[in-house]
Amino acid sequence: MGSFSIWHWLIVLLIVVMVFGTKKLKNLGGDLGGAVKGFKDGVKEGGTPADDKTAAAPSQVTAAASGAEKATIDVEAKQKS
């Protein structure tokens, strides 16, 4: 009852293919791959600009607060799709 042999795994694979069919398994694999790729792109995209924006924001705020006049800070908002 320890580990399964190759024959056990082949029988399980055959049953899974018979139950779901190859087309559903192919679509499921493609959807899962697309989700992983999208997640990786989101992590890469979200990490870099946030560091640049946070580094620039305090210098702008201090420059505006230290001035004699009240100044308006222009910022650019980006929407995620």
N, C-alpha and C. Protein backbone atom coordinates (compact mmCIF):
# COMPACT_ATOMS: atom_id res chain seq x y z
N MET A 1 0.82 -1.18 0.00
CA MET A 1 0.00 0.00 0.00
C MET A 1 0.87 1.25 0.00
N GLY A 2 2.14 1.10 -0.25
CA GLY A 2 3.07 2.23 -0.27
C GLY A 2 2.87 3.10 -1.49
N SER A 3 3.74 2.96 -2.46
CA SER A 3 3.64 3.79 -3.66
C SER A 3 2.93 3.02 -4.77
N PHE A 4 2.40 3.78 -5.70
CA PHE A 4 1.70 3.16 -6.82
C PHE A 4 2.69 2.88 -7.94
N SER A 5 2.44 1.81 -8.67
CA SER A 5 3.30 1.48 -9.80
C SER A 5 2.82 2.23 -11.04
N ILE A 6 3.54 2.11 -12.12
CA ILE A 6 3.19 2.79 -13.37
C ILE A 6 1.85 2.29 -13.89
N TRP A 7 1.53 1.01 -13.65
CA TRP A 7 0.27 0.45 -14.12
C TRP A 7 -0.92 1.08 -13.41
N HIS A 8 -0.77 1.38 -12.14
CA HIS A 8 -1.86 2.05 -11.43
C HIS A 8 -2.13 3.44 -12.02
N TRP A 9 -1.05 4.18 -12.30
CA TRP A 9 -1.21 5.53 -12.85
C TRP A 9 -1.79 5.50 -14.26
N LEU A 10 -1.42 4.50 -15.05
CA LEU A 10 -1.97 4.38 -16.40
C LEU A 10 -3.47 4.07 -16.36
N ILE A 11 -3.89 3.24 -15.44
CA ILE A 11 -5.31 2.93 -15.30
C ILE A 11 -6.08 4.18 -14.86
N VAL A 12 -5.54 4.93 -13.90
CA VAL A 12 -6.18 6.17 -13.46
C VAL A 12 -6.28 7.15 -14.62
N LEU A 13 -5.22 7.29 -15.39
CA LEU A 13 -5.23 8.19 -16.55
C LEU A 13 -6.27 7.76 -17.57
N LEU A 14 -6.38 6.46 -17.83
CA LEU A 14 -7.37 5.95 -18.78
C LEU A 14 -8.80 6.26 -18.30
N ILE A 15 -9.05 6.09 -17.02
CA ILE A 15 -10.38 6.38 -16.47
C ILE A 15 -10.69 7.88 -16.58
N VAL A 16 -9.73 8.74 -16.28
CA VAL A 16 -9.94 10.19 -16.37
C VAL A 16 -10.24 10.59 -17.81
N VAL A 17 -9.51 10.03 -18.77
CA VAL A 17 -9.74 10.35 -20.18
C VAL A 17 -11.12 9.86 -20.61
N MET A 18 -11.52 8.69 -20.13
CA MET A 18 -12.84 8.16 -20.50
C MET A 18 -13.97 9.02 -19.89
N VAL A 19 -13.77 9.52 -18.69
CA VAL A 19 -14.83 10.31 -18.03
C VAL A 19 -14.93 11.70 -18.64
N PHE A 20 -13.81 12.39 -18.78
CA PHE A 20 -13.84 13.78 -19.23
C PHE A 20 -13.70 13.94 -20.73
N GLY A 21 -13.02 13.05 -21.38
CA GLY A 21 -12.78 13.18 -22.81
C GLY A 21 -11.55 14.04 -23.07
N THR A 22 -10.93 13.83 -24.21
CA THR A 22 -9.69 14.53 -24.51
C THR A 22 -9.92 16.01 -24.79
N LYS A 23 -11.07 16.36 -25.37
CA LYS A 23 -11.32 17.76 -25.71
C LYS A 23 -11.46 18.61 -24.45
N LYS A 24 -12.18 18.12 -23.45
CA LYS A 24 -12.32 18.87 -22.21
C LYS A 24 -10.99 18.99 -21.49
N LEU A 25 -10.20 17.94 -21.49
CA LEU A 25 -8.90 17.99 -20.83
C LEU A 25 -7.97 18.97 -21.52
N LYS A 26 -8.04 19.02 -22.87
CA LYS A 26 -7.20 19.97 -23.62
C LYS A 26 -7.62 21.41 -23.30
N ASN A 27 -8.92 21.66 -23.27
CA ASN A 27 -9.41 23.01 -22.95
C ASN A 27 -9.05 23.40 -21.52
N LEU A 28 -9.16 22.46 -20.60
CA LEU A 28 -8.83 22.73 -19.21
C LEU A 28 -7.35 23.08 -19.06
N GLY A 29 -6.49 22.34 -19.77
CA GLY A 29 -5.06 22.63 -19.73
C GLY A 29 -4.73 23.99 -20.32
N GLY A 30 -5.39 24.35 -21.42
CA GLY A 30 -5.17 25.65 -22.04
C GLY A 30 -5.64 26.79 -21.15
N ASP A 31 -6.79 26.60 -20.51
CA ASP A 31 -7.30 27.63 -19.61
C ASP A 31 -6.40 27.82 -18.39
N LEU A 32 -5.92 26.71 -17.87
CA LEU A 32 -5.03 26.78 -16.71
C LEU A 32 -3.71 27.47 -17.08
N GLY A 33 -3.16 27.13 -18.25
CA GLY A 33 -1.93 27.77 -18.71
C GLY A 33 -2.11 29.26 -18.93
N GLY A 34 -3.25 29.66 -19.50
CA GLY A 34 -3.53 31.08 -19.72
C GLY A 34 -3.66 31.84 -18.40
N ALA A 35 -4.28 31.18 -17.42
CA ALA A 35 -4.44 31.83 -16.12
C ALA A 35 -3.09 32.03 -15.43
N VAL A 36 -2.23 31.03 -15.52
CA VAL A 36 -0.90 31.14 -14.91
C VAL A 36 -0.08 32.23 -15.61
N LYS A 37 -0.17 32.28 -16.93
CA LYS A 37 0.56 33.31 -17.68
C LYS A 37 0.05 34.71 -17.33
N GLY A 38 -1.26 34.85 -17.24
CA GLY A 38 -1.84 36.14 -16.86
C GLY A 38 -1.43 36.57 -15.46
N PHE A 39 -1.37 35.60 -14.54
CA PHE A 39 -0.94 35.90 -13.19
C PHE A 39 0.51 36.36 -13.15
N LYS A 40 1.37 35.67 -13.87
CA LYS A 40 2.79 36.05 -13.91
C LYS A 40 2.97 37.44 -14.51
N ASP A 41 2.24 37.73 -15.60
CA ASP A 41 2.33 39.06 -16.21
C ASP A 41 1.83 40.14 -15.25
N GLY A 42 0.78 39.83 -14.52
CA GLY A 42 0.25 40.79 -13.56
C GLY A 42 1.22 41.07 -12.43
N VAL A 43 1.92 40.03 -11.98
CA VAL A 43 2.90 40.21 -10.91
C VAL A 43 4.07 41.05 -11.41
N LYS A 44 4.54 40.77 -12.61
CA LYS A 44 5.64 41.56 -13.17
C LYS A 44 5.22 43.01 -13.39
N GLU A 45 4.02 43.19 -13.93
CA GLU A 45 3.51 44.52 -14.25
C GLU A 45 3.22 45.32 -12.98
N GLY A 46 2.69 44.66 -11.98
CA GLY A 46 2.32 45.35 -10.76
C GLY A 46 3.51 45.73 -9.90
N GLY A 47 4.60 45.02 -9.97
CA GLY A 47 5.75 45.29 -9.11
C GLY A 47 6.58 46.47 -9.55
N THR A 48 6.82 46.63 -10.82
CA THR A 48 7.73 47.67 -11.29
C THR A 48 7.16 49.08 -11.21
N PRO A 49 5.99 49.38 -11.76
CA PRO A 49 5.52 50.76 -11.71
C PRO A 49 5.20 51.23 -10.29
N ALA A 50 4.77 50.34 -9.43
CA ALA A 50 4.43 50.75 -8.06
C ALA A 50 5.66 51.26 -7.33
N ASP A 51 6.81 50.64 -7.57
CA ASP A 51 8.05 51.09 -6.93
C ASP A 51 8.45 52.47 -7.42
N ASP A 52 8.28 52.71 -8.72
CA ASP A 52 8.63 54.01 -9.28
C ASP A 52 7.70 55.11 -8.77
N LYS A 53 6.42 54.81 -8.66
CA LYS A 53 5.44 55.82 -8.22
C LYS A 53 5.63 56.16 -6.75
N THR A 54 5.90 55.16 -5.92
CA THR A 54 6.05 55.43 -4.49
C THR A 54 7.34 56.20 -4.22
N ALA A 55 8.35 55.99 -5.03
CA ALA A 55 9.60 56.71 -4.83
C ALA A 55 9.44 58.18 -5.24
N ALA A 56 8.63 58.45 -6.25
CA ALA A 56 8.46 59.82 -6.73
C ALA A 56 7.44 60.60 -5.91
N ALA A 57 6.49 59.94 -5.32
CA ALA A 57 5.41 60.62 -4.62
C ALA A 57 5.87 61.42 -3.40
N PRO A 58 6.71 60.90 -2.49
CA PRO A 58 7.09 61.70 -1.33
C PRO A 58 7.84 62.98 -1.68
N SER A 59 8.68 62.96 -2.69
CA SER A 59 9.42 64.17 -3.05
C SER A 59 8.47 65.25 -3.57
N GLN A 60 7.42 64.85 -4.28
CA GLN A 60 6.45 65.82 -4.77
C GLN A 60 5.66 66.42 -3.62
N VAL A 61 5.29 65.59 -2.67
CA VAL A 61 4.49 66.07 -1.54
C VAL A 61 5.30 67.02 -0.69
N THR A 62 6.56 66.68 -0.42
CA THR A 62 7.38 67.56 0.41
C THR A 62 7.67 68.87 -0.31
N ALA A 63 7.86 68.82 -1.60
CA ALA A 63 8.12 70.04 -2.35
C ALA A 63 6.89 70.94 -2.32
N ALA A 64 5.71 70.37 -2.40
CA ALA A 64 4.48 71.16 -2.38
C ALA A 64 4.21 71.69 -0.98
N ALA A 65 4.51 70.92 0.05
CA ALA A 65 4.23 71.33 1.42
C ALA A 65 5.22 72.40 1.88
N SER A 66 6.46 72.37 1.40
CA SER A 66 7.46 73.33 1.85
C SER A 66 7.34 74.68 1.16
N GLY A 67 6.62 74.73 0.05
CA GLY A 67 6.47 76.01 -0.67
C GLY A 67 5.57 76.96 0.09
N ALA A 68 5.74 78.27 -0.18
CA ALA A 68 4.94 79.29 0.49
C ALA A 68 3.50 79.25 0.00
N GLU A 69 3.31 78.94 -1.28
CA GLU A 69 1.97 78.88 -1.84
C GLU A 69 1.48 77.43 -1.82
N LYS A 70 0.16 77.29 -1.85
CA LYS A 70 -0.41 75.95 -1.98
C LYS A 70 -0.35 75.57 -3.45
N ALA A 71 0.22 74.42 -3.73
CA ALA A 71 0.38 73.98 -5.11
C ALA A 71 -0.49 72.76 -5.37
N THR A 72 -0.85 72.58 -6.61
CA THR A 72 -1.63 71.42 -7.02
C THR A 72 -0.67 70.40 -7.63
N ILE A 73 -0.85 69.15 -7.23
CA ILE A 73 -0.01 68.08 -7.76
C ILE A 73 -0.82 67.35 -8.81
N ASP A 74 -0.28 67.26 -10.02
CA ASP A 74 -0.94 66.53 -11.09
C ASP A 74 -0.51 65.08 -11.03
N VAL A 75 -1.48 64.20 -11.07
CA VAL A 75 -1.21 62.77 -11.10
C VAL A 75 -1.97 62.16 -12.25
N GLU A 76 -1.47 61.05 -12.72
CA GLU A 76 -2.10 60.36 -13.83
C GLU A 76 -2.60 59.02 -13.33
N ALA A 77 -3.89 58.77 -13.45
CA ALA A 77 -4.50 57.52 -13.00
C ALA A 77 -4.65 56.58 -14.18
N LYS A 78 -4.28 55.34 -13.99
CA LYS A 78 -4.44 54.33 -15.02
C LYS A 78 -5.46 53.31 -14.56
N GLN A 79 -6.33 52.91 -15.45
CA GLN A 79 -7.35 51.92 -15.13
C GLN A 79 -6.88 50.57 -15.59
N LYS A 80 -7.12 49.56 -14.75
CA LYS A 80 -6.80 48.19 -15.14
C LYS A 80 -7.98 47.62 -15.90
N SER A 81 -7.68 46.90 -16.94
CA SER A 81 -8.77 46.31 -17.71
C SER A 81 -8.93 44.86 -17.37
